C-alpha atoms as a PDB file:
ATOM      1  CA  MET A   1      91.929  59.213  71.746  1.00  0.00           C
ATOM      2  CA  LEU A   2      90.501  57.893  68.489  1.00  0.00           C
ATOM      3  CA  GLU A   3      93.938  57.010  67.130  1.00  0.00           C
ATOM      4  CA  THR A   4      95.410  55.449  70.267  1.00  0.00           C
ATOM      5  CA  LYS A   5      92.204  54.025  71.791  1.00  0.00           C
ATOM      6  CA  ILE A   6      93.554  55.338  75.115  1.00  0.00           C
ATOM      7  CA  TYR A   7      90.963  57.211  77.155  1.00  0.00           C
ATOM      8  CA  PRO A   8      91.181  59.122  80.424  1.00  0.00           C
ATOM      9  CA  ASP A   9      89.124  57.639  83.254  1.00  0.00           C
ATOM     10  CA  PHE A  10      87.395  60.964  83.779  1.00  0.00           C
ATOM     11  CA  ILE A  11      87.358  64.642  82.833  1.00  0.00           C
ATOM     12  CA  VAL A  12      86.331  67.409  85.247  1.00  0.00           C
ATOM     13  CA  VAL A  13      84.862  70.565  83.720  1.00  0.00           C
ATOM     14  CA  ASP A  14      85.375  73.519  86.063  1.00  0.00           C
ATOM     15  CA  GLY A  15      83.459  76.647  85.091  1.00  0.00           C
ATOM     16  CA  LYS A  16      85.010  80.092  85.154  1.00  0.00           C
ATOM     17  CA  GLU A  17      82.450  81.117  87.788  1.00  0.00           C
ATOM     18  CA  GLY A  18      84.237  79.007  90.419  1.00  0.00           C
ATOM     19  CA  GLY A  19      85.432  80.791  93.514  1.00  0.00           C
ATOM     20  CA  THR A  20      89.108  79.835  93.866  1.00  0.00           C
ATOM     21  CA  GLY A  21      90.515  82.652  91.768  1.00  0.00           C
ATOM     22  CA  ALA A  22      93.420  80.348  90.920  1.00  0.00           C
ATOM     23  CA  ALA A  23      93.310  81.015  87.185  1.00  0.00           C
ATOM     24  CA  PRO A  24      94.924  84.134  85.654  1.00  0.00           C
ATOM     25  CA  LEU A  25      92.397  86.974  85.432  1.00  0.00           C
ATOM     26  CA  GLU A  26      92.642  87.284  81.650  1.00  0.00           C
ATOM     27  CA  PHE A  27      91.816  83.581  81.317  1.00  0.00           C
ATOM     28  CA  ILE A  28      88.815  83.919  83.635  1.00  0.00           C
ATOM     29  CA  ASP A  29      87.481  87.002  81.856  1.00  0.00           C
ATOM     30  CA  HIS A  30      88.083  86.045  78.245  1.00  0.00           C
ATOM     31  CA  ILE A  31      88.957  82.362  77.795  1.00  0.00           C
ATOM     32  CA  GLY A  32      87.119  80.443  80.498  1.00  0.00           C
ATOM     33  CA  LYS A  33      83.555  79.320  79.817  1.00  0.00           C
ATOM     34  CA  PRO A  34      80.607  79.270  82.170  1.00  0.00           C
ATOM     35  CA  MET A  35      80.228  75.779  83.581  1.00  0.00           C
ATOM     36  CA  ARG A  36      77.072  74.786  81.709  1.00  0.00           C
ATOM     37  CA  GLN A  37      78.498  75.832  78.352  1.00  0.00           C
ATOM     38  CA  GLY A  38      81.743  73.988  79.024  1.00  0.00           C
ATOM     39  CA  LEU A  39      79.942  70.835  80.158  1.00  0.00           C
ATOM     40  CA  TYR A  40      77.654  70.942  77.121  1.00  0.00           C
ATOM     41  CA  PHE A  41      80.631  71.259  74.791  1.00  0.00           C
ATOM     42  CA  VAL A  42      82.726  68.484  76.357  1.00  0.00           C
ATOM     43  CA  HIS A  43      79.811  66.042  76.720  1.00  0.00           C
ATOM     44  CA  ASN A  44      78.701  66.483  73.112  1.00  0.00           C
ATOM     45  CA  ALA A  45      82.246  66.398  71.734  1.00  0.00           C
ATOM     46  CA  LEU A  46      82.726  62.996  73.385  1.00  0.00           C
ATOM     47  CA  VAL A  47      79.321  61.790  72.146  1.00  0.00           C
ATOM     48  CA  GLY A  48      80.119  63.112  68.681  1.00  0.00           C
ATOM     49  CA  ILE A  49      83.280  61.009  68.428  1.00  0.00           C
ATOM     50  CA  GLY A  50      81.624  57.968  69.986  1.00  0.00           C
ATOM     51  CA  VAL A  51      83.704  57.656  73.164  1.00  0.00           C
ATOM     52  CA  ARG A  52      81.387  59.079  75.838  1.00  0.00           C
ATOM     53  CA  GLN A  53      80.772  55.631  77.322  1.00  0.00           C
ATOM     54  CA  HIS A  54      84.497  55.281  78.103  1.00  0.00           C
ATOM     55  CA  ILE A  55      84.890  58.523  80.076  1.00  0.00           C
ATOM     56  CA  LYS A  56      83.143  59.854  83.182  1.00  0.00           C
ATOM     57  CA  LEU A  57      82.414  63.586  83.396  1.00  0.00           C
ATOM     58  CA  GLY A  58      82.594  65.573  86.605  1.00  0.00           C
ATOM     59  CA  VAL A  59      81.626  69.218  86.856  1.00  0.00           C
ATOM     60  CA  ALA A  60      82.223  72.148  89.207  1.00  0.00           C
ATOM     61  CA  GLY A  61      81.254  75.809  89.322  1.00  0.00           C
ATOM     62  CA  LYS A  62      78.744  77.278  91.791  1.00  0.00           C
ATOM     63  CA  ILE A  63      77.172  73.895  92.554  1.00  0.00           C
ATOM     64  CA  ILE A  64      75.233  74.659  95.751  1.00  0.00           C
ATOM     65  CA  THR A  65      71.667  73.350  95.670  1.00  0.00           C
ATOM     66  CA  ALA A  66      70.016  70.096  94.646  1.00  0.00           C
ATOM     67  CA  PHE A  67      68.667  71.821  91.538  1.00  0.00           C
ATOM     68  CA  ASP A  68      72.212  72.865  90.580  1.00  0.00           C
ATOM     69  CA  ILE A  69      73.123  69.174  90.653  1.00  0.00           C
ATOM     70  CA  ILE A  70      70.079  68.162  88.603  1.00  0.00           C
ATOM     71  CA  ARG A  71      70.709  70.854  86.002  1.00  0.00           C
ATOM     72  CA  ALA A  72      74.309  69.743  85.552  1.00  0.00           C
ATOM     73  CA  MET A  73      73.408  66.059  85.320  1.00  0.00           C
ATOM     74  CA  ALA A  74      70.728  66.856  82.739  1.00  0.00           C
ATOM     75  CA  LEU A  75      73.480  68.316  80.562  1.00  0.00           C
ATOM     76  CA  GLY A  76      75.644  65.218  80.858  1.00  0.00           C
ATOM     77  CA  ALA A  77      77.545  65.310  84.161  1.00  0.00           C
ATOM     78  CA  ASP A  78      78.110  61.996  85.925  1.00  0.00           C
ATOM     79  CA  TRP A  79      78.837  63.731  89.227  1.00  0.00           C
ATOM     80  CA  CYS A  80      79.175  67.217  90.697  1.00  0.00           C
ATOM     81  CA  ASN A  81      81.983  68.685  92.777  1.00  0.00           C
ATOM     82  CA  ALA A  82      80.839  71.290  95.276  1.00  0.00           C
ATOM     83  CA  ALA A  83      82.625  73.655  97.641  1.00  0.00           C
ATOM     84  CA  ARG A  84      80.715  76.937  97.867  1.00  0.00           C
ATOM     85  CA  GLY A  85      77.712  75.625  99.797  1.00  0.00           C
ATOM     86  CA  PHE A  86      79.946  73.822 102.281  1.00  0.00           C
ATOM     87  CA  MET A  87      81.996  76.974 102.727  1.00  0.00           C
ATOM     88  CA  PHE A  88      78.816  78.867 103.596  1.00  0.00           C
ATOM     89  CA  ALA A  89      77.831  76.132 106.029  1.00  0.00           C
ATOM     90  CA  VAL A  90      81.206  76.304 107.756  1.00  0.00           C
ATOM     91  CA  GLY A  91      80.902  80.064 108.167  1.00  0.00           C
ATOM     92  CA  CYS A  92      82.244  81.812 105.067  1.00  0.00           C
ATOM     93  CA  ILE A  93      80.655  85.237 104.553  1.00  0.00           C
ATOM     94  CA  GLN A  94      82.521  86.000 101.289  1.00  0.00           C
ATOM     95  CA  SER A  95      84.484  88.847 102.807  1.00  0.00           C
ATOM     96  CA  GLN A  96      87.004  88.399  99.973  1.00  0.00           C
ATOM     97  CA  SER A  97      89.898  88.550 102.402  1.00  0.00           C
ATOM     98  CA  CYS A  98      91.175  84.969 101.968  1.00  0.00           C
ATOM     99  CA  HIS A  99      94.514  86.139 100.602  1.00  0.00           C
ATOM    100  CA  THR A 100      95.090  88.604 103.467  1.00  0.00           C
ATOM    101  CA  ASP A 101      95.125  86.035 106.310  1.00  0.00           C
ATOM    102  CA  ARG A 102      92.508  88.217 108.027  1.00  0.00           C
ATOM    103  CA  CYS A 103      89.344  86.159 107.436  1.00  0.00           C
ATOM    104  CA  PRO A 104      86.822  87.494 109.990  1.00  0.00           C
ATOM    105  CA  THR A 105      85.128  84.100 110.466  1.00  0.00           C
ATOM    106  CA  GLY A 106      88.299  82.047 110.847  1.00  0.00           C
ATOM    107  CA  VAL A 107      87.707  79.919 107.738  1.00  0.00           C
ATOM    108  CA  ALA A 108      90.705  81.071 105.695  1.00  0.00           C
ATOM    109  CA  THR A 109      93.402  82.179 108.087  1.00  0.00           C
ATOM    110  CA  GLN A 110      96.501  80.923 109.860  1.00  0.00           C
ATOM    111  CA  ASP A 111      96.079  83.505 112.634  1.00  0.00           C
ATOM    112  CA  PRO A 112      95.384  81.527 115.860  1.00  0.00           C
ATOM    113  CA  ARG A 113      93.271  84.361 117.256  1.00  0.00           C
ATOM    114  CA  ARG A 114      91.046  84.529 114.179  1.00  0.00           C
ATOM    115  CA  GLN A 115      90.826  80.731 114.010  1.00  0.00           C
ATOM    116  CA  ARG A 116      89.013  80.813 117.352  1.00  0.00           C
ATOM    117  CA  ALA A 117      85.970  82.166 115.499  1.00  0.00           C
ATOM    118  CA  LEU A 118      85.561  78.761 113.836  1.00  0.00           C
ATOM    119  CA  VAL A 119      84.150  76.410 116.465  1.00  0.00           C
ATOM    120  CA  VAL A 120      84.749  72.984 114.926  1.00  0.00           C
ATOM    121  CA  PRO A 121      82.140  70.900 116.835  1.00  0.00           C
ATOM    122  CA  ASP A 122      79.427  73.383 115.848  1.00  0.00           C
ATOM    123  CA  LYS A 123      80.565  73.910 112.263  1.00  0.00           C
ATOM    124  CA  MET A 124      81.025  70.230 111.454  1.00  0.00           C
ATOM    125  CA  GLN A 125      77.403  69.612 112.429  1.00  0.00           C
ATOM    126  CA  ARG A 126      76.250  72.469 110.230  1.00  0.00           C
ATOM    127  CA  VAL A 127      78.205  71.057 107.263  1.00  0.00           C
ATOM    128  CA  ALA A 128      76.751  67.585 107.855  1.00  0.00           C
ATOM    129  CA  ASN A 129      73.236  69.029 108.070  1.00  0.00           C
ATOM    130  CA  PHE A 130      73.709  70.967 104.835  1.00  0.00           C
ATOM    131  CA  HIS A 131      74.931  67.869 103.003  1.00  0.00           C
ATOM    132  CA  ARG A 132      72.105  65.729 104.362  1.00  0.00           C
ATOM    133  CA  ALA A 133      69.463  68.299 103.425  1.00  0.00           C
ATOM    134  CA  THR A 134      70.897  68.726  99.927  1.00  0.00           C
ATOM    135  CA  LEU A 135      70.757  64.984  99.250  1.00  0.00           C
ATOM    136  CA  HIS A 136      67.215  64.848 100.655  1.00  0.00           C
ATOM    137  CA  GLU A 137      66.094  67.605  98.292  1.00  0.00           C
ATOM    138  CA  LEU A 138      67.851  65.867  95.404  1.00  0.00           C
ATOM    139  CA  ALA A 139      65.910  62.673  96.137  1.00  0.00           C
ATOM    140  CA  GLU A 140      62.622  64.581  96.418  1.00  0.00           C
ATOM    141  CA  MET A 141      63.111  66.419  93.130  1.00  0.00           C
ATOM    142  CA  THR A 142      64.122  63.214  91.377  1.00  0.00           C
ATOM    143  CA  ALA A 143      60.980  61.474  92.617  1.00  0.00           C
ATOM    144  CA  ALA A 144      58.837  64.488  91.660  1.00  0.00           C
ATOM    145  CA  ALA A 145      60.090  64.111  88.091  1.00  0.00           C
ATOM    146  CA  GLY A 146      59.070  60.445  88.120  1.00  0.00           C
ATOM    147  CA  LEU A 147      62.648  59.211  87.970  1.00  0.00           C
ATOM    148  CA  ASP A 148      64.542  56.642  90.003  1.00  0.00           C
ATOM    149  CA  HIS A 149      67.982  58.273  89.937  1.00  0.00           C
ATOM    150  CA  PRO A 150      69.379  61.772  89.197  1.00  0.00           C
ATOM    151  CA  LYS A 151      71.409  60.293  86.306  1.00  0.00           C
ATOM    152  CA  GLU A 152      68.113  59.866  84.449  1.00  0.00           C
ATOM    153  CA  PHE A 153      67.604  63.631  84.097  1.00  0.00           C
ATOM    154  CA  LYS A 154      67.831  64.781  80.472  1.00  0.00           C
ATOM    155  CA  PRO A 155      67.789  68.250  78.883  1.00  0.00           C
ATOM    156  CA  ILE A 156      64.066  67.902  78.167  1.00  0.00           C
ATOM    157  CA  HIS A 157      63.366  67.898  81.917  1.00  0.00           C
ATOM    158  CA  ILE A 158      64.703  71.443  82.455  1.00  0.00           C
ATOM    159  CA  SER A 159      63.060  74.631  81.184  1.00  0.00           C
ATOM    160  CA  ARG A 160      64.421  78.173  81.158  1.00  0.00           C
ATOM    161  CA  ARG A 161      62.670  81.469  80.580  1.00  0.00           C
ATOM    162  CA  ILE A 162      64.640  83.446  77.998  1.00  0.00           C
ATOM    163  CA  SER A 163      62.241  86.388  77.668  1.00  0.00           C
ATOM    164  CA  PRO A 164      59.023  87.599  79.324  1.00  0.00           C
ATOM    165  CA  SER A 165      57.016  85.599  76.782  1.00  0.00           C
ATOM    166  CA  GLU A 166      59.244  82.660  75.827  1.00  0.00           C
ATOM    167  CA  VAL A 167      60.283  79.511  77.672  1.00  0.00           C
ATOM    168  CA  LEU A 168      62.557  76.896  76.119  1.00  0.00           C
ATOM    169  CA  THR A 169      63.694  73.522  77.341  1.00  0.00           C
ATOM    170  CA  PHE A 170      67.372  72.710  77.691  1.00  0.00           C
ATOM    171  CA  ALA A 171      66.843  70.295  74.794  1.00  0.00           C
ATOM    172  CA  GLU A 172      66.137  73.339  72.620  1.00  0.00           C
ATOM    173  CA  LEU A 173      68.798  75.561  74.149  1.00  0.00           C
ATOM    174  CA  TYR A 174      71.476  72.859  74.133  1.00  0.00           C
ATOM    175  CA  PRO A 175      70.800  70.613  71.105  1.00  0.00           C
ATOM    176  CA  SER A 176      72.584  67.271  71.413  1.00  0.00           C
ATOM    177  CA  LEU A 177      74.830  65.586  68.890  1.00  0.00           C
ATOM    178  CA  ALA A 178      74.032  62.071  67.788  1.00  0.00           C
ATOM    179  CA  GLU A 179      76.424  59.254  68.675  1.00  0.00           C
ATOM    180  CA  GLY A 180      79.394  59.462  66.282  1.00  0.00           C
ATOM    181  CA  GLU A 181      78.015  62.507  64.466  1.00  0.00           C
ATOM    182  CA  LEU A 182      81.356  64.323  64.319  1.00  0.00           C
ATOM    183  CA  ILE A 183      83.061  61.359  62.702  1.00  0.00           C
ATOM    184  CA  ALA A 184      80.191  60.860  60.258  1.00  0.00           C
ATOM    185  CA  GLY A 185      80.269  64.564  59.388  1.00  0.00           C
ATOM    186  CA  SER A 186      78.103  67.001  61.307  1.00  0.00           C
ATOM    187  CA  GLY A 187      76.400  69.659  59.223  1.00  0.00           C
ATOM    188  CA  THR A 188      76.013  71.997  62.203  1.00  0.00           C
ATOM    189  CA  PRO A 189      78.536  74.874  61.784  1.00  0.00           C
ATOM    190  CA  ARG A 190      79.024  75.157  65.578  1.00  0.00           C
ATOM    191  CA  TRP A 191      80.492  71.654  65.561  1.00  0.00           C
ATOM    192  CA  LYS A 192      81.704  71.169  61.986  1.00  0.00           C
ATOM    193  CA  GLN A 193      84.187  74.047  61.962  1.00  0.00           C
ATOM    194  CA  PRO A 194      86.170  73.145  65.113  1.00  0.00           C
ATOM    195  CA  TRP A 195      86.114  69.457  64.132  1.00  0.00           C
ATOM    196  CA  ASP A 196      87.521  70.272  60.680  1.00  0.00           C
ATOM    197  CA  MET A 197      90.236  72.384  62.318  1.00  0.00           C
ATOM    198  CA  ALA A 198      91.244  69.714  64.843  1.00  0.00           C
ATOM    199  CA  ARG A 199      94.203  67.375  64.364  1.00  0.00           C
ATOM    200  CA  ALA A 200      95.334  64.300  66.232  1.00  0.00           C
ATOM    201  CA  ASP A 201      99.067  65.044  66.281  1.00  0.00           C
ATOM    202  CA  SER A 202      98.957  68.577  67.687  1.00  0.00           C
ATOM    203  CA  PHE A 203      96.919  70.989  69.780  1.00  0.00           C
ATOM    204  CA  ARG A 204      97.527  73.607  67.059  1.00  0.00           C
ATOM    205  CA  ALA A 205      94.339  74.080  65.059  1.00  0.00           C
ATOM    206  CA  ILE A 206      94.418  74.041  61.252  1.00  0.00           C
ATOM    207  CA  ALA A 207      93.176  77.459  60.165  1.00  0.00           C
END
């Protein structure tokens, strides 16, 4: 991107905790990152090379509640993709039988008899109610923080208990890079090493 000045319109970070099961198991267990870690890495990498303003960041991975949205936006997301909460609203009970065509609630099946369990007029209202309530809670929590828009949430707004006696803010747990810090030369080993190994002409890292 730095060499060509060509940027994608957006990047979507999908955490390994997502529910599709589409990725190979070994990738999910050992290569995929939890959503917040992946978002933190991508957001700061783009800030560190000075191109964050050119690229929007979406995020997905167990986004259900208004607080899930706020937490993701505090770490740099421009928007959140959500499926799990809507699946619950439409009737999913996580029976883990999607691939068998025997979903007991009719959500994930092609069997006409089982599909009868999903009453569309009722379920569509439940989905609409869930979405409306989620946005209402998002607005309330944003106002409670003294902000005008969820995009104004920053890591300092979120705290996390890491032990019975210690609470840290996301600003402490997820320290941010300064604009252009990778290009200028970051002294933080977590960022310096992968940046030094990266190359523009290949995905192969320089060991």
